[in-house]
Amino acid sequence: MTEKPEIDFIEGPAPSELVITDIVVGDGAEATPGAQVLVHYVGVDFENGEQFDASWDRGEPIRFPLAGLIAGWQEGIPGMREGGRRQLVIPPALAYGETGAHRLAGRTLVFVIDLIAVG
């Protein structure tokens, strides 16, 4: 994937469980729980479709250990293969909580994640 994905607005009520959709199935190494990953991503608010973050806008992918991320990423990225693009719809309980100080608390989040490398 060489360009920033567009995230289509999702009709209907927000899901209460993590929803994983493979847009492109990769053929490289597989991400495992707790793995270090290099990704490009876009995140939007489920309710209004507004982007709140995107590595694409910073011009470079980001590398981090899955263990340090929100639960929706920890559960939604393992099994993905390098070269893949996956959409995650993450309810508040698996993101930043139902309530709290974080600006995204109580929000259902939609991410499109490109897995560039594992390790």
N, C-alpha and C. Protein backbone atom coordinates (compact mmCIF):
# COMPACT_ATOMS: atom_id res chain seq x y z
N MET A 1 0.85 -1.17 0.00
CA MET A 1 0.00 0.00 0.00
C MET A 1 0.90 1.24 0.00
N THR A 2 0.66 2.08 -0.95
CA THR A 2 1.52 3.24 -1.06
C THR A 2 0.77 4.55 -0.86
N GLU A 3 -0.52 4.47 -0.60
CA GLU A 3 -1.22 5.72 -0.37
C GLU A 3 -2.20 5.58 0.78
N LYS A 4 -2.50 6.74 1.37
CA LYS A 4 -3.38 6.81 2.53
C LYS A 4 -4.77 6.30 2.15
N PRO A 5 -5.32 5.41 2.96
CA PRO A 5 -6.66 4.90 2.66
C PRO A 5 -7.75 5.91 3.00
N GLU A 6 -8.84 5.81 2.30
CA GLU A 6 -10.06 6.55 2.65
C GLU A 6 -10.91 5.60 3.47
N ILE A 7 -11.47 6.09 4.54
CA ILE A 7 -12.33 5.26 5.37
C ILE A 7 -13.77 5.64 5.10
N ASP A 8 -14.54 4.67 4.59
CA ASP A 8 -15.94 4.93 4.27
C ASP A 8 -16.75 5.02 5.56
N PHE A 9 -17.73 5.91 5.58
CA PHE A 9 -18.62 6.04 6.72
C PHE A 9 -19.40 4.75 6.87
N ILE A 10 -19.53 4.26 8.09
CA ILE A 10 -20.22 3.00 8.36
C ILE A 10 -21.62 3.31 8.86
N GLU A 11 -22.62 2.80 8.16
CA GLU A 11 -24.02 3.02 8.54
C GLU A 11 -24.39 2.13 9.72
N GLY A 12 -25.38 2.57 10.47
CA GLY A 12 -25.93 1.74 11.54
C GLY A 12 -25.29 2.02 12.88
N PRO A 13 -25.74 1.27 13.88
CA PRO A 13 -25.24 1.49 15.23
C PRO A 13 -23.79 1.01 15.40
N ALA A 14 -23.12 1.62 16.34
CA ALA A 14 -21.74 1.21 16.63
C ALA A 14 -21.74 -0.20 17.23
N PRO A 15 -20.80 -1.04 16.84
CA PRO A 15 -20.75 -2.39 17.40
C PRO A 15 -20.27 -2.36 18.85
N SER A 16 -20.67 -3.38 19.59
CA SER A 16 -20.23 -3.49 20.99
C SER A 16 -19.01 -4.39 21.11
N GLU A 17 -18.66 -5.07 20.04
CA GLU A 17 -17.50 -5.97 20.00
C GLU A 17 -16.53 -5.48 18.92
N LEU A 18 -15.28 -5.90 19.03
CA LEU A 18 -14.28 -5.59 18.01
C LEU A 18 -14.69 -6.22 16.68
N VAL A 19 -14.65 -5.40 15.61
CA VAL A 19 -14.97 -5.90 14.27
C VAL A 19 -13.70 -5.79 13.42
N ILE A 20 -13.24 -6.94 12.90
CA ILE A 20 -12.01 -7.01 12.11
C ILE A 20 -12.37 -7.34 10.66
N THR A 21 -11.91 -6.50 9.73
CA THR A 21 -12.18 -6.73 8.31
C THR A 21 -10.86 -6.62 7.55
N ASP A 22 -10.46 -7.68 6.87
CA ASP A 22 -9.27 -7.62 6.03
C ASP A 22 -9.66 -6.98 4.70
N ILE A 23 -8.97 -5.89 4.37
CA ILE A 23 -9.19 -5.21 3.09
C ILE A 23 -8.24 -5.80 2.06
N VAL A 24 -6.99 -6.00 2.47
CA VAL A 24 -5.98 -6.68 1.66
C VAL A 24 -5.30 -7.71 2.58
N VAL A 25 -5.22 -8.94 2.13
CA VAL A 25 -4.53 -9.97 2.91
C VAL A 25 -3.07 -9.98 2.47
N GLY A 26 -2.18 -9.75 3.41
CA GLY A 26 -0.75 -9.75 3.11
C GLY A 26 -0.20 -11.15 2.96
N ASP A 27 1.03 -11.24 2.47
CA ASP A 27 1.65 -12.55 2.29
C ASP A 27 3.00 -12.64 2.98
N GLY A 28 3.31 -11.67 3.84
CA GLY A 28 4.59 -11.68 4.55
C GLY A 28 4.47 -12.32 5.92
N ALA A 29 5.41 -11.97 6.79
CA ALA A 29 5.43 -12.52 8.15
C ALA A 29 4.16 -12.15 8.89
N GLU A 30 3.74 -13.04 9.79
CA GLU A 30 2.51 -12.84 10.55
C GLU A 30 2.78 -12.15 11.87
N ALA A 31 1.95 -11.16 12.19
CA ALA A 31 2.04 -10.49 13.49
C ALA A 31 1.50 -11.43 14.57
N THR A 32 2.20 -11.50 15.68
CA THR A 32 1.78 -12.33 16.80
C THR A 32 1.49 -11.43 18.00
N PRO A 33 0.74 -11.92 18.99
CA PRO A 33 0.46 -11.10 20.16
C PRO A 33 1.76 -10.61 20.81
N GLY A 34 1.81 -9.34 21.09
CA GLY A 34 2.99 -8.75 21.73
C GLY A 34 4.14 -8.43 20.80
N ALA A 35 3.99 -8.71 19.51
CA ALA A 35 5.06 -8.46 18.53
C ALA A 35 5.32 -6.97 18.39
N GLN A 36 6.51 -6.65 17.88
CA GLN A 36 6.83 -5.28 17.49
C GLN A 36 6.37 -5.14 16.04
N VAL A 37 5.65 -4.06 15.74
CA VAL A 37 5.12 -3.88 14.39
C VAL A 37 5.45 -2.50 13.85
N LEU A 38 5.60 -2.43 12.52
CA LEU A 38 5.77 -1.17 11.81
C LEU A 38 4.52 -0.99 10.97
N VAL A 39 3.77 0.08 11.22
CA VAL A 39 2.48 0.27 10.58
C VAL A 39 2.29 1.69 10.09
N HIS A 40 1.42 1.82 9.11
CA HIS A 40 0.82 3.10 8.74
C HIS A 40 -0.64 2.95 9.11
N TYR A 41 -1.27 4.02 9.57
CA TYR A 41 -2.67 3.90 9.97
C TYR A 41 -3.40 5.23 9.82
N VAL A 42 -4.72 5.10 9.74
CA VAL A 42 -5.63 6.24 9.79
C VAL A 42 -6.69 5.88 10.82
N GLY A 43 -7.03 6.84 11.68
CA GLY A 43 -8.08 6.62 12.66
C GLY A 43 -9.16 7.68 12.54
N VAL A 44 -10.43 7.23 12.52
CA VAL A 44 -11.56 8.15 12.48
C VAL A 44 -12.57 7.78 13.56
N ASP A 45 -13.38 8.76 13.92
CA ASP A 45 -14.46 8.57 14.87
C ASP A 45 -15.61 7.87 14.15
N PHE A 46 -16.11 6.77 14.72
CA PHE A 46 -17.20 6.01 14.09
C PHE A 46 -18.43 6.88 13.88
N GLU A 47 -18.75 7.70 14.87
CA GLU A 47 -20.00 8.45 14.86
C GLU A 47 -20.05 9.54 13.80
N ASN A 48 -18.95 10.28 13.63
CA ASN A 48 -18.99 11.41 12.71
C ASN A 48 -18.02 11.28 11.53
N GLY A 49 -17.19 10.23 11.53
CA GLY A 49 -16.28 10.01 10.42
C GLY A 49 -15.07 10.93 10.39
N GLU A 50 -14.91 11.77 11.42
CA GLU A 50 -13.81 12.72 11.44
C GLU A 50 -12.50 12.04 11.83
N GLN A 51 -11.46 12.33 11.07
CA GLN A 51 -10.13 11.79 11.37
C GLN A 51 -9.59 12.42 12.64
N PHE A 52 -9.03 11.58 13.53
CA PHE A 52 -8.39 12.11 14.73
C PHE A 52 -6.89 11.86 14.73
N ASP A 53 -6.42 10.97 13.87
CA ASP A 53 -4.98 10.70 13.82
C ASP A 53 -4.68 9.92 12.54
N ALA A 54 -3.44 10.11 12.03
CA ALA A 54 -3.00 9.34 10.86
C ALA A 54 -1.49 9.45 10.76
N SER A 55 -0.83 8.30 10.76
CA SER A 55 0.63 8.30 10.56
C SER A 55 0.96 8.83 9.17
N TRP A 56 0.04 8.62 8.21
CA TRP A 56 0.25 9.09 6.84
C TRP A 56 0.51 10.58 6.80
N ASP A 57 -0.19 11.33 7.67
CA ASP A 57 -0.07 12.79 7.67
C ASP A 57 1.28 13.25 8.21
N ARG A 58 1.95 12.38 8.96
CA ARG A 58 3.28 12.70 9.48
C ARG A 58 4.39 12.26 8.51
N GLY A 59 4.00 11.55 7.44
CA GLY A 59 4.94 11.21 6.39
C GLY A 59 5.78 9.98 6.64
N GLU A 60 5.55 9.28 7.76
CA GLU A 60 6.31 8.06 7.99
C GLU A 60 5.53 7.11 8.88
N PRO A 61 5.76 5.80 8.68
CA PRO A 61 5.08 4.82 9.52
C PRO A 61 5.63 4.88 10.95
N ILE A 62 4.96 4.20 11.85
CA ILE A 62 5.37 4.18 13.24
C ILE A 62 5.59 2.74 13.70
N ARG A 63 6.60 2.56 14.55
CA ARG A 63 6.93 1.22 15.07
C ARG A 63 6.65 1.21 16.56
N PHE A 64 5.95 0.17 17.01
CA PHE A 64 5.74 0.01 18.44
C PHE A 64 5.40 -1.43 18.79
N PRO A 65 5.58 -1.78 20.07
CA PRO A 65 5.19 -3.11 20.53
C PRO A 65 3.68 -3.15 20.75
N LEU A 66 3.03 -4.20 20.28
CA LEU A 66 1.59 -4.32 20.44
C LEU A 66 1.18 -4.26 21.91
N ALA A 67 2.01 -4.77 22.79
CA ALA A 67 1.68 -4.81 24.21
C ALA A 67 1.43 -3.43 24.79
N GLY A 68 1.95 -2.37 24.15
CA GLY A 68 1.77 -1.03 24.68
C GLY A 68 0.58 -0.28 24.10
N LEU A 69 -0.22 -0.94 23.29
CA LEU A 69 -1.30 -0.26 22.58
C LEU A 69 -2.67 -0.57 23.18
N ILE A 70 -3.69 0.14 22.69
CA ILE A 70 -5.05 -0.12 23.16
C ILE A 70 -5.43 -1.57 22.85
N ALA A 71 -6.34 -2.10 23.65
CA ALA A 71 -6.73 -3.51 23.54
C ALA A 71 -7.23 -3.87 22.14
N GLY A 72 -7.93 -2.94 21.50
CA GLY A 72 -8.45 -3.23 20.15
C GLY A 72 -7.34 -3.53 19.16
N TRP A 73 -6.19 -2.85 19.30
CA TRP A 73 -5.04 -3.15 18.43
C TRP A 73 -4.38 -4.45 18.88
N GLN A 74 -4.27 -4.66 20.18
CA GLN A 74 -3.64 -5.89 20.68
C GLN A 74 -4.40 -7.12 20.22
N GLU A 75 -5.72 -7.01 20.11
CA GLU A 75 -6.55 -8.13 19.66
C GLU A 75 -6.72 -8.16 18.15
N GLY A 76 -6.67 -7.00 17.52
CA GLY A 76 -7.02 -6.91 16.10
C GLY A 76 -5.88 -7.07 15.12
N ILE A 77 -4.63 -6.88 15.57
CA ILE A 77 -3.50 -6.99 14.64
C ILE A 77 -2.91 -8.40 14.55
N PRO A 78 -2.81 -9.16 15.66
CA PRO A 78 -2.28 -10.52 15.52
C PRO A 78 -3.04 -11.33 14.47
N GLY A 79 -2.29 -12.07 13.68
CA GLY A 79 -2.87 -12.83 12.58
C GLY A 79 -2.76 -12.11 11.25
N MET A 80 -2.53 -10.81 11.32
CA MET A 80 -2.33 -10.02 10.11
C MET A 80 -0.95 -10.32 9.55
N ARG A 81 -0.80 -10.26 8.24
CA ARG A 81 0.50 -10.51 7.61
C ARG A 81 1.05 -9.24 6.98
N GLU A 82 2.37 -9.16 6.92
CA GLU A 82 3.02 -8.02 6.26
C GLU A 82 2.45 -7.84 4.87
N GLY A 83 2.23 -6.58 4.51
CA GLY A 83 1.63 -6.28 3.21
C GLY A 83 0.12 -6.20 3.27
N GLY A 84 -0.45 -6.50 4.43
CA GLY A 84 -1.90 -6.48 4.58
C GLY A 84 -2.43 -5.12 5.01
N ARG A 85 -3.70 -4.92 4.73
CA ARG A 85 -4.44 -3.73 5.18
C ARG A 85 -5.70 -4.25 5.86
N ARG A 86 -5.92 -3.80 7.09
CA ARG A 86 -7.03 -4.29 7.90
C ARG A 86 -7.77 -3.13 8.52
N GLN A 87 -9.09 -3.25 8.55
CA GLN A 87 -9.91 -2.26 9.25
C GLN A 87 -10.35 -2.84 10.59
N LEU A 88 -10.20 -2.03 11.64
CA LEU A 88 -10.66 -2.39 12.98
C LEU A 88 -11.71 -1.38 13.40
N VAL A 89 -12.85 -1.87 13.86
CA VAL A 89 -13.87 -1.01 14.48
C VAL A 89 -13.83 -1.38 15.96
N ILE A 90 -13.43 -0.41 16.78
CA ILE A 90 -13.09 -0.68 18.18
C ILE A 90 -14.05 0.05 19.11
N PRO A 91 -14.82 -0.71 19.90
CA PRO A 91 -15.72 -0.06 20.87
C PRO A 91 -14.92 0.59 22.00
N PRO A 92 -15.52 1.54 22.71
CA PRO A 92 -14.80 2.27 23.76
C PRO A 92 -14.10 1.37 24.79
N ALA A 93 -14.72 0.26 25.16
CA ALA A 93 -14.13 -0.61 26.18
C ALA A 93 -12.78 -1.17 25.74
N LEU A 94 -12.55 -1.27 24.42
CA LEU A 94 -11.27 -1.79 23.91
C LEU A 94 -10.39 -0.66 23.36
N ALA A 95 -10.83 0.58 23.56
CA ALA A 95 -10.05 1.74 23.09
C ALA A 95 -9.58 2.54 24.31
N TYR A 96 -10.23 3.67 24.56
CA TYR A 96 -9.79 4.55 25.64
C TYR A 96 -10.77 4.59 26.80
N GLY A 97 -11.66 3.58 26.88
CA GLY A 97 -12.60 3.47 27.99
C GLY A 97 -13.92 4.17 27.72
N GLU A 98 -14.92 3.78 28.50
CA GLU A 98 -16.25 4.37 28.36
C GLU A 98 -16.25 5.83 28.83
N THR A 99 -15.45 6.11 29.86
CA THR A 99 -15.35 7.46 30.39
C THR A 99 -13.89 7.72 30.73
N GLY A 100 -13.56 8.95 30.96
CA GLY A 100 -12.19 9.27 31.34
C GLY A 100 -11.73 10.57 30.74
N ALA A 101 -10.49 10.90 31.03
CA ALA A 101 -9.94 12.18 30.62
C ALA A 101 -9.49 12.21 29.16
N HIS A 102 -9.21 11.04 28.57
CA HIS A 102 -8.73 11.02 27.19
C HIS A 102 -9.81 11.59 26.27
N ARG A 103 -9.39 12.38 25.29
CA ARG A 103 -10.37 13.03 24.40
C ARG A 103 -11.19 12.03 23.58
N LEU A 104 -10.71 10.78 23.45
CA LEU A 104 -11.44 9.77 22.70
C LEU A 104 -12.18 8.78 23.61
N ALA A 105 -12.20 9.05 24.92
CA ALA A 105 -12.96 8.18 25.84
C ALA A 105 -14.44 8.21 25.44
N GLY A 106 -15.06 7.05 25.49
CA GLY A 106 -16.47 6.95 25.14
C GLY A 106 -16.76 6.89 23.65
N ARG A 107 -15.72 6.92 22.82
CA ARG A 107 -15.91 6.92 21.37
C ARG A 107 -15.60 5.54 20.78
N THR A 108 -16.37 5.16 19.78
CA THR A 108 -16.04 3.99 18.97
C THR A 108 -15.11 4.48 17.88
N LEU A 109 -13.99 3.77 17.69
CA LEU A 109 -12.95 4.21 16.76
C LEU A 109 -12.85 3.26 15.58
N VAL A 110 -12.54 3.81 14.42
CA VAL A 110 -12.31 3.01 13.21
C VAL A 110 -10.89 3.30 12.74
N PHE A 111 -10.11 2.23 12.62
CA PHE A 111 -8.74 2.35 12.12
C PHE A 111 -8.60 1.52 10.87
N VAL A 112 -7.85 2.04 9.89
CA VAL A 112 -7.35 1.23 8.79
C VAL A 112 -5.85 1.19 8.97
N ILE A 113 -5.34 -0.04 9.11
CA ILE A 113 -3.94 -0.26 9.45
C ILE A 113 -3.25 -1.04 8.32
N ASP A 114 -2.11 -0.52 7.89
CA ASP A 114 -1.27 -1.23 6.92
C ASP A 114 -0.10 -1.81 7.69
N LEU A 115 0.07 -3.12 7.67
CA LEU A 115 1.18 -3.76 8.36
C LEU A 115 2.36 -3.83 7.39
N ILE A 116 3.39 -3.04 7.69
CA ILE A 116 4.56 -2.96 6.84
C ILE A 116 5.58 -4.01 7.21
N ALA A 117 5.83 -4.16 8.53
CA ALA A 117 6.83 -5.13 8.96
C ALA A 117 6.53 -5.61 10.37
N VAL A 118 6.94 -6.83 10.64
CA VAL A 118 6.86 -7.43 11.98
C VAL A 118 8.28 -7.56 12.49
N GLY A 119 8.50 -7.17 13.74
CA GLY A 119 9.82 -7.31 14.34
C GLY A 119 10.63 -6.04 14.30
